[in-house]
Amino acid sequence: MMQAPAQTISQAIRDQRRERIIQAARAVFFEHGYAAASMSMIAQRLGGSKGTLYAYFKSKEELFAAIVTDQCGQVQDVVEAQYGDADVRQTLTNIGLKIIELLMSEPFVRLLQLLVEEGPRSPELSELFMAAGPRQGEQRMAEFFAEAQADGRLDIPDPTTAARQFSALLKGNLHFKRTLGLIDQPTPEAIRQEVDDAVEMFMRAYGVKAADA
C-alpha cells in the first residue's frame, strides 16, 4: 500500500491545528466578547504558547475573520448542494431548510449576538460578516433565480431584489426570537412550517402561472 506523501500529511496536521485554534477562539469570543478576548486567553485555552498561535494567525482580528468565514462557508457549502433540481419550489424548500437549520444552531446564534453587541464599536466586524455571508448567499441565489427566469420556471424581473426578499422571508419571526434568546432551538416541525410559509409567499409572487406556462 502506498503511503501518503509527507507534504499531504503535514498539511493535514496543519489543518487540524488550525481547526483546533478556531474552535478555542470561538469559545473565548463567545464567553468573553470580542473586545475583552485576547490572544493570550486563546493560547491559554489551547494549552500552548502564543508563538504557536501567531504562526497561524497574526492578530485577533484575523482569527475572528477566520471564524466568520468558516461559519458562513458552512452555509454556502450546504446551500450549493441543493441546486440543480428542476422543481423550483422543492429546491427553495431544500435551501430554506438547510439555511434555517444552520442559522438556528447555537454557533450561528452566538456569532450573530456577538456581532450585534460589538457592531457599534467595531463596524468592520459586521461588514466582514456581510461580505462573507449574506452578500455571497444573495448573489448565488440571484444567479439561480436568473437561470430559472431564463428557462421559464420563474417570473422574476429583478433576480437580485428577489434574492434579498427570499432571504428576508426565511429569517422571519422564528429566527428573530431565537436570536433574541426568547426561544431555544426550534423543532424540525416548526422550522419546516416557517420555511413552507416563506416559499409559499415567494412562489405566489414569482411563480409562473398555469396560463403563462
N, C-alpha and C. Protein backbone atom coordinates (compact mmCIF):
# COMPACT_ATOMS: atom_id res chain seq x y z
N MET A 1 0.85 -1.19 0.00
CA MET A 1 0.00 0.00 0.00
C MET A 1 0.89 1.25 0.00
N MET A 2 0.60 2.16 -0.87
CA MET A 2 1.40 3.38 -0.96
C MET A 2 1.05 4.31 0.18
N GLN A 3 2.08 4.95 0.78
CA GLN A 3 1.86 5.90 1.84
C GLN A 3 1.60 7.27 1.25
N ALA A 4 0.83 8.10 1.99
CA ALA A 4 0.55 9.46 1.53
C ALA A 4 1.84 10.26 1.56
N PRO A 5 2.03 11.16 0.61
CA PRO A 5 3.23 11.99 0.59
C PRO A 5 3.36 12.76 1.90
N ALA A 6 4.61 13.01 2.32
CA ALA A 6 4.87 13.72 3.57
C ALA A 6 4.22 15.09 3.57
N GLN A 7 4.19 15.76 2.41
CA GLN A 7 3.60 17.09 2.32
C GLN A 7 2.11 17.04 2.61
N THR A 8 1.43 16.01 2.13
CA THR A 8 -0.01 15.87 2.37
C THR A 8 -0.29 15.64 3.85
N ILE A 9 0.52 14.81 4.48
CA ILE A 9 0.35 14.56 5.92
C ILE A 9 0.59 15.83 6.71
N SER A 10 1.65 16.57 6.34
CA SER A 10 1.98 17.82 7.03
C SER A 10 0.84 18.83 6.91
N GLN A 11 0.25 18.92 5.72
CA GLN A 11 -0.86 19.85 5.53
C GLN A 11 -2.07 19.43 6.34
N ALA A 12 -2.31 18.13 6.43
CA ALA A 12 -3.44 17.64 7.23
C ALA A 12 -3.25 17.99 8.70
N ILE A 13 -2.02 17.89 9.19
CA ILE A 13 -1.74 18.24 10.58
C ILE A 13 -1.95 19.73 10.81
N ARG A 14 -1.51 20.54 9.86
CA ARG A 14 -1.71 21.99 9.97
C ARG A 14 -3.19 22.33 9.97
N ASP A 15 -3.95 21.67 9.12
CA ASP A 15 -5.39 21.92 9.05
C ASP A 15 -6.07 21.56 10.37
N GLN A 16 -5.64 20.46 10.97
CA GLN A 16 -6.21 20.04 12.25
C GLN A 16 -5.88 21.05 13.35
N ARG A 17 -4.63 21.52 13.37
CA ARG A 17 -4.24 22.51 14.37
C ARG A 17 -5.00 23.81 14.17
N ARG A 18 -5.15 24.20 12.91
CA ARG A 18 -5.89 25.44 12.62
C ARG A 18 -7.34 25.32 13.10
N GLU A 19 -7.94 24.17 12.88
CA GLU A 19 -9.32 23.96 13.32
C GLU A 19 -9.42 24.01 14.84
N ARG A 20 -8.43 23.44 15.53
CA ARG A 20 -8.42 23.48 16.99
C ARG A 20 -8.32 24.92 17.49
N ILE A 21 -7.50 25.72 16.83
CA ILE A 21 -7.35 27.13 17.20
C ILE A 21 -8.67 27.87 17.01
N ILE A 22 -9.33 27.63 15.89
CA ILE A 22 -10.60 28.30 15.61
C ILE A 22 -11.65 27.91 16.64
N GLN A 23 -11.71 26.64 16.99
CA GLN A 23 -12.68 26.20 17.99
C GLN A 23 -12.41 26.84 19.35
N ALA A 24 -11.14 26.90 19.75
CA ALA A 24 -10.79 27.51 21.03
C ALA A 24 -11.10 29.01 21.01
N ALA A 25 -10.77 29.67 19.92
CA ALA A 25 -11.02 31.11 19.81
C ALA A 25 -12.51 31.40 19.83
N ARG A 26 -13.29 30.57 19.14
CA ARG A 26 -14.74 30.76 19.13
C ARG A 26 -15.29 30.70 20.55
N ALA A 27 -14.82 29.73 21.33
CA ALA A 27 -15.29 29.60 22.71
C ALA A 27 -14.92 30.83 23.54
N VAL A 28 -13.71 31.34 23.38
CA VAL A 28 -13.26 32.52 24.13
C VAL A 28 -14.05 33.75 23.73
N PHE A 29 -14.26 33.95 22.43
CA PHE A 29 -15.03 35.10 21.96
C PHE A 29 -16.46 35.05 22.50
N PHE A 30 -17.06 33.88 22.47
CA PHE A 30 -18.44 33.76 22.93
C PHE A 30 -18.56 33.96 24.44
N GLU A 31 -17.56 33.52 25.17
CA GLU A 31 -17.61 33.64 26.63
C GLU A 31 -17.29 35.05 27.12
N HIS A 32 -16.32 35.72 26.47
CA HIS A 32 -15.82 37.00 26.99
C HIS A 32 -16.18 38.20 26.12
N GLY A 33 -16.70 37.95 24.90
CA GLY A 33 -16.94 39.05 23.98
C GLY A 33 -15.69 39.35 23.17
N TYR A 34 -15.87 40.01 22.05
CA TYR A 34 -14.73 40.27 21.17
C TYR A 34 -13.73 41.23 21.81
N ALA A 35 -14.21 42.33 22.39
CA ALA A 35 -13.31 43.35 22.92
C ALA A 35 -12.46 42.81 24.07
N ALA A 36 -13.06 42.03 24.96
CA ALA A 36 -12.35 41.53 26.14
C ALA A 36 -11.44 40.34 25.82
N ALA A 37 -11.72 39.63 24.77
CA ALA A 37 -10.90 38.46 24.41
C ALA A 37 -9.51 38.90 23.96
N SER A 38 -8.54 38.04 24.19
CA SER A 38 -7.17 38.34 23.79
C SER A 38 -6.50 37.09 23.25
N MET A 39 -5.42 37.30 22.54
CA MET A 39 -4.66 36.16 22.02
C MET A 39 -4.09 35.33 23.17
N SER A 40 -3.77 35.98 24.30
CA SER A 40 -3.25 35.24 25.47
C SER A 40 -4.30 34.29 26.01
N MET A 41 -5.57 34.76 26.07
CA MET A 41 -6.66 33.90 26.53
C MET A 41 -6.82 32.68 25.62
N ILE A 42 -6.74 32.95 24.33
CA ILE A 42 -6.94 31.86 23.36
C ILE A 42 -5.80 30.86 23.46
N ALA A 43 -4.57 31.35 23.59
CA ALA A 43 -3.42 30.46 23.73
C ALA A 43 -3.55 29.63 24.99
N GLN A 44 -4.02 30.26 26.07
CA GLN A 44 -4.20 29.53 27.33
C GLN A 44 -5.27 28.45 27.17
N ARG A 45 -6.33 28.76 26.46
CA ARG A 45 -7.39 27.78 26.22
C ARG A 45 -6.85 26.60 25.42
N LEU A 46 -5.94 26.88 24.52
CA LEU A 46 -5.35 25.82 23.70
C LEU A 46 -4.33 24.99 24.48
N GLY A 47 -3.78 25.60 25.54
CA GLY A 47 -2.75 24.91 26.29
C GLY A 47 -1.39 24.99 25.64
N GLY A 48 -1.21 25.98 24.74
CA GLY A 48 0.07 26.15 24.05
C GLY A 48 0.60 27.56 24.23
N SER A 49 1.59 27.91 23.43
CA SER A 49 2.19 29.24 23.51
C SER A 49 1.57 30.19 22.50
N LYS A 50 1.74 31.50 22.78
CA LYS A 50 1.25 32.48 21.83
C LYS A 50 2.03 32.40 20.52
N GLY A 51 3.28 31.93 20.60
CA GLY A 51 4.08 31.79 19.39
C GLY A 51 3.44 30.85 18.39
N THR A 52 2.93 29.73 18.90
CA THR A 52 2.24 28.77 18.03
C THR A 52 0.99 29.39 17.43
N LEU A 53 0.26 30.14 18.24
CA LEU A 53 -0.97 30.79 17.78
C LEU A 53 -0.66 31.80 16.67
N TYR A 54 0.38 32.62 16.89
CA TYR A 54 0.74 33.64 15.90
C TYR A 54 1.31 33.03 14.62
N ALA A 55 1.74 31.78 14.69
CA ALA A 55 2.23 31.12 13.48
C ALA A 55 1.08 30.86 12.50
N TYR A 56 -0.14 30.82 13.02
CA TYR A 56 -1.32 30.58 12.18
C TYR A 56 -2.12 31.85 11.93
N PHE A 57 -2.21 32.71 12.92
CA PHE A 57 -3.00 33.94 12.81
C PHE A 57 -2.20 35.10 13.39
N LYS A 58 -2.08 36.18 12.62
CA LYS A 58 -1.24 37.30 13.04
C LYS A 58 -1.89 38.20 14.09
N SER A 59 -3.22 38.13 14.21
CA SER A 59 -3.90 39.03 15.14
C SER A 59 -5.25 38.45 15.54
N LYS A 60 -5.83 39.06 16.56
CA LYS A 60 -7.16 38.67 17.00
C LYS A 60 -8.18 38.94 15.88
N GLU A 61 -7.98 40.04 15.16
CA GLU A 61 -8.88 40.38 14.07
C GLU A 61 -8.86 39.32 12.97
N GLU A 62 -7.66 38.85 12.64
CA GLU A 62 -7.54 37.84 11.60
C GLU A 62 -8.18 36.52 12.04
N LEU A 63 -8.05 36.21 13.31
CA LEU A 63 -8.63 34.99 13.85
C LEU A 63 -10.15 35.07 13.85
N PHE A 64 -10.69 36.21 14.24
CA PHE A 64 -12.14 36.37 14.22
C PHE A 64 -12.67 36.30 12.79
N ALA A 65 -11.91 36.88 11.85
CA ALA A 65 -12.31 36.81 10.44
C ALA A 65 -12.37 35.37 9.97
N ALA A 66 -11.44 34.54 10.43
CA ALA A 66 -11.44 33.13 10.06
C ALA A 66 -12.67 32.42 10.61
N ILE A 67 -13.09 32.78 11.82
CA ILE A 67 -14.29 32.19 12.42
C ILE A 67 -15.52 32.55 11.60
N VAL A 68 -15.63 33.83 11.25
CA VAL A 68 -16.78 34.28 10.47
C VAL A 68 -16.80 33.59 9.11
N THR A 69 -15.67 33.57 8.44
CA THR A 69 -15.58 32.95 7.12
C THR A 69 -15.90 31.46 7.18
N ASP A 70 -15.40 30.81 8.23
CA ASP A 70 -15.64 29.38 8.40
C ASP A 70 -17.13 29.08 8.57
N GLN A 71 -17.80 29.84 9.42
CA GLN A 71 -19.22 29.57 9.67
C GLN A 71 -20.08 29.95 8.47
N CYS A 72 -19.76 31.06 7.83
CA CYS A 72 -20.52 31.44 6.63
C CYS A 72 -20.28 30.45 5.50
N GLY A 73 -19.06 29.91 5.45
CA GLY A 73 -18.75 28.92 4.42
C GLY A 73 -19.56 27.66 4.57
N GLN A 74 -19.90 27.30 5.81
CA GLN A 74 -20.74 26.13 6.05
C GLN A 74 -22.11 26.31 5.40
N VAL A 75 -22.65 27.51 5.51
CA VAL A 75 -23.96 27.78 4.89
C VAL A 75 -23.84 27.68 3.38
N GLN A 76 -22.79 28.30 2.81
CA GLN A 76 -22.63 28.27 1.36
C GLN A 76 -22.48 26.85 0.84
N ASP A 77 -21.69 26.03 1.54
CA ASP A 77 -21.47 24.65 1.10
C ASP A 77 -22.77 23.85 1.10
N VAL A 78 -23.55 24.03 2.15
CA VAL A 78 -24.81 23.29 2.27
C VAL A 78 -25.79 23.74 1.20
N VAL A 79 -25.87 25.05 0.99
CA VAL A 79 -26.81 25.59 0.02
C VAL A 79 -26.45 25.17 -1.40
N GLU A 80 -25.15 25.22 -1.72
CA GLU A 80 -24.71 24.86 -3.07
C GLU A 80 -25.14 23.44 -3.43
N ALA A 81 -25.16 22.57 -2.44
CA ALA A 81 -25.50 21.16 -2.68
C ALA A 81 -26.97 20.98 -3.06
N GLN A 82 -27.80 22.00 -2.87
CA GLN A 82 -29.23 21.86 -3.12
C GLN A 82 -29.65 22.30 -4.52
N TYR A 83 -28.76 22.97 -5.25
CA TYR A 83 -29.13 23.46 -6.57
C TYR A 83 -29.18 22.32 -7.59
N GLY A 84 -29.92 22.58 -8.66
CA GLY A 84 -29.95 21.63 -9.75
C GLY A 84 -31.28 20.93 -9.93
N ASP A 85 -32.15 21.00 -8.92
CA ASP A 85 -33.47 20.36 -9.03
C ASP A 85 -34.34 21.19 -9.98
N ALA A 86 -35.00 20.52 -10.91
CA ALA A 86 -35.85 21.23 -11.87
C ALA A 86 -37.08 21.83 -11.20
N ASP A 87 -37.52 21.24 -10.07
CA ASP A 87 -38.68 21.74 -9.35
C ASP A 87 -38.23 22.90 -8.46
N VAL A 88 -38.60 24.13 -8.84
CA VAL A 88 -38.13 25.32 -8.12
C VAL A 88 -38.64 25.33 -6.69
N ARG A 89 -39.90 25.00 -6.50
CA ARG A 89 -40.46 25.02 -5.14
C ARG A 89 -39.69 24.07 -4.22
N GLN A 90 -39.40 22.87 -4.72
CA GLN A 90 -38.68 21.90 -3.90
C GLN A 90 -37.25 22.37 -3.63
N THR A 91 -36.62 22.98 -4.65
CA THR A 91 -35.27 23.50 -4.47
C THR A 91 -35.25 24.58 -3.41
N LEU A 92 -36.19 25.51 -3.48
CA LEU A 92 -36.26 26.60 -2.49
C LEU A 92 -36.55 26.05 -1.09
N THR A 93 -37.37 25.03 -1.02
CA THR A 93 -37.66 24.41 0.28
C THR A 93 -36.42 23.76 0.86
N ASN A 94 -35.70 23.02 0.03
CA ASN A 94 -34.47 22.37 0.49
C ASN A 94 -33.45 23.40 0.97
N ILE A 95 -33.28 24.46 0.18
CA ILE A 95 -32.33 25.51 0.54
C ILE A 95 -32.76 26.18 1.85
N GLY A 96 -34.05 26.50 1.93
CA GLY A 96 -34.56 27.16 3.13
C GLY A 96 -34.37 26.34 4.39
N LEU A 97 -34.64 25.05 4.30
CA LEU A 97 -34.49 24.17 5.47
C LEU A 97 -33.03 24.13 5.93
N LYS A 98 -32.11 23.99 4.98
CA LYS A 98 -30.70 23.91 5.34
C LYS A 98 -30.20 25.23 5.94
N ILE A 99 -30.62 26.36 5.34
CA ILE A 99 -30.19 27.65 5.84
C ILE A 99 -30.68 27.88 7.26
N ILE A 100 -31.98 27.66 7.49
CA ILE A 100 -32.56 27.95 8.79
C ILE A 100 -32.03 26.99 9.86
N GLU A 101 -31.83 25.74 9.51
CA GLU A 101 -31.26 24.80 10.48
C GLU A 101 -29.89 25.27 10.96
N LEU A 102 -29.09 25.78 10.04
CA LEU A 102 -27.76 26.27 10.42
C LEU A 102 -27.86 27.58 11.18
N LEU A 103 -28.68 28.51 10.70
CA LEU A 103 -28.79 29.81 11.36
C LEU A 103 -29.40 29.71 12.76
N MET A 104 -30.19 28.68 12.99
CA MET A 104 -30.79 28.48 14.31
C MET A 104 -29.87 27.74 15.26
N SER A 105 -28.77 27.19 14.75
CA SER A 105 -27.86 26.43 15.60
C SER A 105 -27.14 27.37 16.57
N GLU A 106 -26.67 26.80 17.67
CA GLU A 106 -26.05 27.60 18.71
C GLU A 106 -24.85 28.41 18.22
N PRO A 107 -23.92 27.84 17.44
CA PRO A 107 -22.77 28.64 17.00
C PRO A 107 -23.16 29.87 16.18
N PHE A 108 -24.15 29.72 15.29
CA PHE A 108 -24.55 30.85 14.46
C PHE A 108 -25.31 31.89 15.27
N VAL A 109 -26.15 31.46 16.17
CA VAL A 109 -26.89 32.40 17.02
C VAL A 109 -25.92 33.20 17.88
N ARG A 110 -24.95 32.53 18.48
CA ARG A 110 -23.97 33.22 19.33
C ARG A 110 -23.12 34.19 18.51
N LEU A 111 -22.76 33.79 17.28
CA LEU A 111 -21.98 34.68 16.43
C LEU A 111 -22.78 35.94 16.10
N LEU A 112 -24.04 35.79 15.76
CA LEU A 112 -24.87 36.94 15.42
C LEU A 112 -25.06 37.84 16.64
N GLN A 113 -25.28 37.24 17.80
CA GLN A 113 -25.43 38.02 19.02
C GLN A 113 -24.15 38.80 19.32
N LEU A 114 -23.01 38.17 19.08
CA LEU A 114 -21.72 38.84 19.31
C LEU A 114 -21.55 40.01 18.35
N LEU A 115 -21.94 39.82 17.10
CA LEU A 115 -21.83 40.89 16.11
C LEU A 115 -22.74 42.07 16.46
N VAL A 116 -23.93 41.77 16.93
CA VAL A 116 -24.86 42.84 17.34
C VAL A 116 -24.28 43.61 18.52
N GLU A 117 -23.68 42.89 19.45
CA GLU A 117 -23.09 43.52 20.64
C GLU A 117 -21.88 44.38 20.28
N GLU A 118 -21.01 43.87 19.41
CA GLU A 118 -19.77 44.55 19.10
C GLU A 118 -19.89 45.50 17.91
N GLY A 119 -20.96 45.38 17.12
CA GLY A 119 -21.10 46.16 15.90
C GLY A 119 -20.90 47.66 16.05
N PRO A 120 -21.55 48.30 17.04
CA PRO A 120 -21.38 49.75 17.18
C PRO A 120 -19.94 50.17 17.45
N ARG A 121 -19.18 49.33 18.15
CA ARG A 121 -17.78 49.64 18.46
C ARG A 121 -16.83 49.20 17.35
N SER A 122 -17.19 48.12 16.67
CA SER A 122 -16.31 47.58 15.62
C SER A 122 -17.14 47.25 14.38
N PRO A 123 -17.58 48.28 13.64
CA PRO A 123 -18.43 48.03 12.47
C PRO A 123 -17.75 47.18 11.40
N GLU A 124 -16.40 47.13 11.44
CA GLU A 124 -15.71 46.32 10.43
C GLU A 124 -16.02 44.83 10.61
N LEU A 125 -16.38 44.42 11.83
CA LEU A 125 -16.74 43.02 12.06
C LEU A 125 -18.06 42.69 11.37
N SER A 126 -19.01 43.60 11.49
CA SER A 126 -20.30 43.39 10.82
C SER A 126 -20.14 43.41 9.32
N GLU A 127 -19.28 44.29 8.82
CA GLU A 127 -19.03 44.35 7.38
C GLU A 127 -18.39 43.06 6.89
N LEU A 128 -17.49 42.52 7.69
CA LEU A 128 -16.85 41.25 7.34
C LEU A 128 -17.90 40.14 7.23
N PHE A 129 -18.80 40.10 8.19
CA PHE A 129 -19.86 39.09 8.19
C PHE A 129 -20.75 39.24 6.95
N MET A 130 -21.14 40.48 6.65
CA MET A 130 -22.00 40.71 5.49
C MET A 130 -21.32 40.27 4.20
N ALA A 131 -20.03 40.55 4.09
CA ALA A 131 -19.31 40.20 2.85
C ALA A 131 -19.14 38.69 2.72
N ALA A 132 -18.86 38.02 3.83
CA ALA A 132 -18.59 36.58 3.78
C ALA A 132 -19.86 35.74 3.75
N GLY A 133 -20.96 36.29 4.26
CA GLY A 133 -22.19 35.52 4.38
C GLY A 133 -23.33 35.99 3.50
N PRO A 134 -24.14 36.93 4.01
CA PRO A 134 -25.35 37.33 3.28
C PRO A 134 -25.13 37.77 1.85
N ARG A 135 -24.09 38.56 1.58
CA ARG A 135 -23.90 39.04 0.21
C ARG A 135 -23.58 37.91 -0.75
N GLN A 136 -22.72 37.00 -0.33
CA GLN A 136 -22.40 35.86 -1.20
C GLN A 136 -23.62 34.98 -1.41
N GLY A 137 -24.37 34.75 -0.33
CA GLY A 137 -25.56 33.93 -0.45
C GLY A 137 -26.60 34.54 -1.37
N GLU A 138 -26.82 35.85 -1.22
CA GLU A 138 -27.80 36.52 -2.07
C GLU A 138 -27.34 36.56 -3.52
N GLN A 139 -26.04 36.70 -3.74
CA GLN A 139 -25.53 36.70 -5.11
C GLN A 139 -25.77 35.34 -5.77
N ARG A 140 -25.51 34.26 -5.02
CA ARG A 140 -25.72 32.93 -5.59
C ARG A 140 -27.21 32.67 -5.83
N MET A 141 -28.05 33.14 -4.91
CA MET A 141 -29.50 32.98 -5.10
C MET A 141 -29.96 33.77 -6.32
N ALA A 142 -29.41 34.97 -6.50
CA ALA A 142 -29.78 35.79 -7.66
C ALA A 142 -29.40 35.08 -8.96
N GLU A 143 -28.25 34.40 -8.97
CA GLU A 143 -27.84 33.64 -10.15
C GLU A 143 -28.82 32.50 -10.43
N PHE A 144 -29.24 31.83 -9.37
CA PHE A 144 -30.20 30.74 -9.53
C PHE A 144 -31.54 31.28 -10.05
N PHE A 145 -31.98 32.41 -9.51
CA PHE A 145 -33.25 32.99 -9.96
C PHE A 145 -33.16 33.46 -11.41
N ALA A 146 -32.00 33.98 -11.81
CA ALA A 146 -31.82 34.41 -13.20
C ALA A 146 -31.91 33.21 -14.14
N GLU A 147 -31.33 32.09 -13.73
CA GLU A 147 -31.41 30.87 -14.54
C GLU A 147 -32.85 30.39 -14.65
N ALA A 148 -33.57 30.43 -13.51
CA ALA A 148 -34.97 29.98 -13.51
C ALA A 148 -35.85 30.93 -14.33
N GLN A 149 -35.50 32.22 -14.34
CA GLN A 149 -36.22 33.19 -15.15
C GLN A 149 -35.97 32.92 -16.63
N ALA A 150 -34.72 32.62 -16.98
CA ALA A 150 -34.35 32.41 -18.38
C ALA A 150 -35.02 31.18 -18.97
N ASP A 151 -35.18 30.12 -18.16
CA ASP A 151 -35.79 28.90 -18.72
C ASP A 151 -37.28 28.79 -18.41
N GLY A 152 -37.87 29.88 -17.88
CA GLY A 152 -39.32 29.93 -17.72
C GLY A 152 -39.87 29.29 -16.48
N ARG A 153 -39.02 28.94 -15.51
CA ARG A 153 -39.53 28.31 -14.30
C ARG A 153 -40.03 29.34 -13.28
N LEU A 154 -39.55 30.57 -13.39
CA LEU A 154 -39.99 31.65 -12.52
C LEU A 154 -40.20 32.91 -13.35
N ASP A 155 -40.97 33.84 -12.82
CA ASP A 155 -41.20 35.13 -13.47
C ASP A 155 -40.63 36.21 -12.55
N ILE A 156 -39.33 36.50 -12.70
CA ILE A 156 -38.62 37.41 -11.79
C ILE A 156 -37.94 38.50 -12.60
N PRO A 157 -38.49 39.71 -12.60
CA PRO A 157 -37.87 40.80 -13.35
C PRO A 157 -36.51 41.20 -12.78
N ASP A 158 -36.35 41.14 -11.46
CA ASP A 158 -35.11 41.57 -10.81
C ASP A 158 -34.63 40.47 -9.86
N PRO A 159 -33.77 39.56 -10.33
CA PRO A 159 -33.30 38.45 -9.51
C PRO A 159 -32.60 38.88 -8.23
N THR A 160 -31.86 39.99 -8.27
CA THR A 160 -31.13 40.45 -7.08
C THR A 160 -32.09 40.85 -5.98
N THR A 161 -33.11 41.61 -6.32
CA THR A 161 -34.11 42.01 -5.34
C THR A 161 -34.86 40.79 -4.81
N ALA A 162 -35.18 39.86 -5.69
CA ALA A 162 -35.89 38.65 -5.28
C ALA A 162 -35.04 37.83 -4.31
N ALA A 163 -33.72 37.78 -4.52
CA ALA A 163 -32.84 37.03 -3.62
C ALA A 163 -32.87 37.64 -2.22
N ARG A 164 -32.86 38.96 -2.14
CA ARG A 164 -32.92 39.63 -0.85
C ARG A 164 -34.28 39.39 -0.18
N GLN A 165 -35.32 39.39 -0.97
CA GLN A 165 -36.65 39.16 -0.42
C GLN A 165 -36.79 37.75 0.11
N PHE A 166 -36.27 36.77 -0.61
CA PHE A 166 -36.36 35.38 -0.15
C PHE A 166 -35.58 35.19 1.15
N SER A 167 -34.41 35.81 1.22
CA SER A 167 -33.61 35.74 2.45
C SER A 167 -34.38 36.34 3.62
N ALA A 168 -35.03 37.47 3.39
CA ALA A 168 -35.79 38.13 4.45
C ALA A 168 -36.98 37.29 4.89
N LEU A 169 -37.64 36.63 3.94
CA LEU A 169 -38.77 35.78 4.27
C LEU A 169 -38.35 34.61 5.15
N LEU A 170 -37.19 34.04 4.85
CA LEU A 170 -36.70 32.91 5.65
C LEU A 170 -36.37 33.33 7.08
N LYS A 171 -35.73 34.49 7.21
CA LYS A 171 -35.33 34.97 8.54
C LYS A 171 -36.49 35.74 9.17
N GLY A 172 -37.55 35.02 9.41
CA GLY A 172 -38.77 35.63 9.92
C GLY A 172 -38.86 35.61 11.43
N ASN A 173 -40.06 35.42 11.92
CA ASN A 173 -40.36 35.52 13.35
C ASN A 173 -39.57 34.52 14.19
N LEU A 174 -39.45 33.29 13.68
CA LEU A 174 -38.77 32.25 14.44
C LEU A 174 -37.29 32.59 14.65
N HIS A 175 -36.63 33.01 13.58
CA HIS A 175 -35.21 33.37 13.67
C HIS A 175 -35.01 34.58 14.57
N PHE A 176 -35.91 35.54 14.50
CA PHE A 176 -35.81 36.75 15.33
C PHE A 176 -35.89 36.39 16.81
N LYS A 177 -36.86 35.55 17.16
CA LYS A 177 -37.00 35.14 18.56
C LYS A 177 -35.80 34.34 19.05
N ARG A 178 -35.28 33.48 18.17
CA ARG A 178 -34.12 32.66 18.53
C ARG A 178 -32.90 33.55 18.80
N THR A 179 -32.70 34.55 17.96
CA THR A 179 -31.57 35.45 18.12
C THR A 179 -31.68 36.27 19.40
N LEU A 180 -32.90 36.65 19.76
CA LEU A 180 -33.12 37.41 20.99
C LEU A 180 -33.05 36.54 22.25
N GLY A 181 -32.96 35.23 22.06
CA GLY A 181 -32.90 34.33 23.20
C GLY A 181 -34.24 34.05 23.83
N LEU A 182 -35.32 34.35 23.08
CA LEU A 182 -36.67 34.14 23.62
C LEU A 182 -37.10 32.69 23.50
N ILE A 183 -36.49 31.95 22.60
CA ILE A 183 -36.81 30.54 22.43
C ILE A 183 -35.52 29.74 22.28
N ASP A 184 -35.59 28.45 22.57
CA ASP A 184 -34.46 27.56 22.35
C ASP A 184 -34.49 27.07 20.91
N GLN A 185 -33.67 26.08 20.61
CA GLN A 185 -33.65 25.51 19.27
C GLN A 185 -35.05 25.02 18.87
N PRO A 186 -35.61 25.57 17.79
CA PRO A 186 -36.96 25.16 17.38
C PRO A 186 -36.98 23.70 16.92
N THR A 187 -38.16 23.12 16.96
CA THR A 187 -38.32 21.74 16.50
C THR A 187 -38.24 21.70 14.97
N PRO A 188 -37.90 20.55 14.40
CA PRO A 188 -37.88 20.42 12.94
C PRO A 188 -39.23 20.78 12.32
N GLU A 189 -40.31 20.47 13.04
CA GLU A 189 -41.65 20.78 12.52
C GLU A 189 -41.87 22.28 12.44
N ALA A 190 -41.40 23.01 13.46
CA ALA A 190 -41.56 24.46 13.46
C ALA A 190 -40.73 25.11 12.36
N ILE A 191 -39.52 24.60 12.16
CA ILE A 191 -38.67 25.11 11.10
C ILE A 191 -39.30 24.83 9.73
N ARG A 192 -39.83 23.64 9.57
CA ARG A 192 -40.45 23.27 8.29
C ARG A 192 -41.64 24.19 7.98
N GLN A 193 -42.44 24.49 8.99
CA GLN A 193 -43.59 25.36 8.79
C GLN A 193 -43.15 26.77 8.39
N GLU A 194 -42.10 27.27 9.05
CA GLU A 194 -41.59 28.60 8.73
C GLU A 194 -41.08 28.66 7.29
N VAL A 195 -40.36 27.62 6.87
CA VAL A 195 -39.83 27.57 5.51
C VAL A 195 -40.95 27.41 4.49
N ASP A 196 -41.91 26.54 4.77
CA ASP A 196 -43.03 26.35 3.85
C ASP A 196 -43.79 27.65 3.63
N ASP A 197 -44.01 28.40 4.71
CA ASP A 197 -44.72 29.68 4.59
C ASP A 197 -43.93 30.67 3.73
N ALA A 198 -42.61 30.71 3.93
CA ALA A 198 -41.77 31.62 3.16
C ALA A 198 -41.77 31.26 1.68
N VAL A 199 -41.63 29.97 1.38
CA VAL A 199 -41.61 29.52 -0.01
C VAL A 199 -42.97 29.76 -0.68
N GLU A 200 -44.04 29.51 0.06
CA GLU A 200 -45.38 29.73 -0.50
C GLU A 200 -45.58 31.19 -0.87
N MET A 201 -45.19 32.10 0.00
CA MET A 201 -45.34 33.53 -0.29
C MET A 201 -44.48 33.93 -1.48
N PHE A 202 -43.25 33.39 -1.53
CA PHE A 202 -42.36 33.73 -2.64
C PHE A 202 -42.92 33.22 -3.97
N MET A 203 -43.43 32.01 -3.98
CA MET A 203 -43.96 31.44 -5.22
C MET A 203 -45.24 32.15 -5.66
N ARG A 204 -46.01 32.64 -4.71
CA ARG A 204 -47.20 33.41 -5.08
C ARG A 204 -46.80 34.69 -5.81
N ALA A 205 -45.66 35.24 -5.44
CA ALA A 205 -45.20 36.48 -6.07
C ALA A 205 -44.49 36.23 -7.39
N TYR A 206 -43.70 35.18 -7.48
CA TYR A 206 -42.83 34.98 -8.63
C TYR A 206 -43.05 33.68 -9.39
N GLY A 207 -43.94 32.84 -8.93
CA GLY A 207 -44.19 31.59 -9.63
C GLY A 207 -44.86 31.82 -10.98
N VAL A 208 -44.57 30.96 -11.92
CA VAL A 208 -45.18 31.06 -13.25
C VAL A 208 -46.61 30.55 -13.17
N LYS A 209 -47.56 31.38 -13.57
CA LYS A 209 -48.95 30.99 -13.54
C LYS A 209 -49.22 29.92 -14.59
N ALA A 210 -50.23 29.09 -14.34
CA ALA A 210 -50.54 27.97 -15.24
C ALA A 210 -50.81 28.43 -16.66
N ALA A 211 -51.53 29.55 -16.81
CA ALA A 211 -51.87 30.04 -18.14
C ALA A 211 -50.61 30.50 -18.88
N ASP A 212 -49.69 31.16 -18.11
CA ASP A 212 -48.45 31.61 -18.73
C ASP A 212 -47.58 30.44 -19.13
N ALA A 213 -47.52 29.42 -18.24
CA ALA A 213 -46.69 28.25 -18.54
C ALA A 213 -47.18 27.54 -19.79
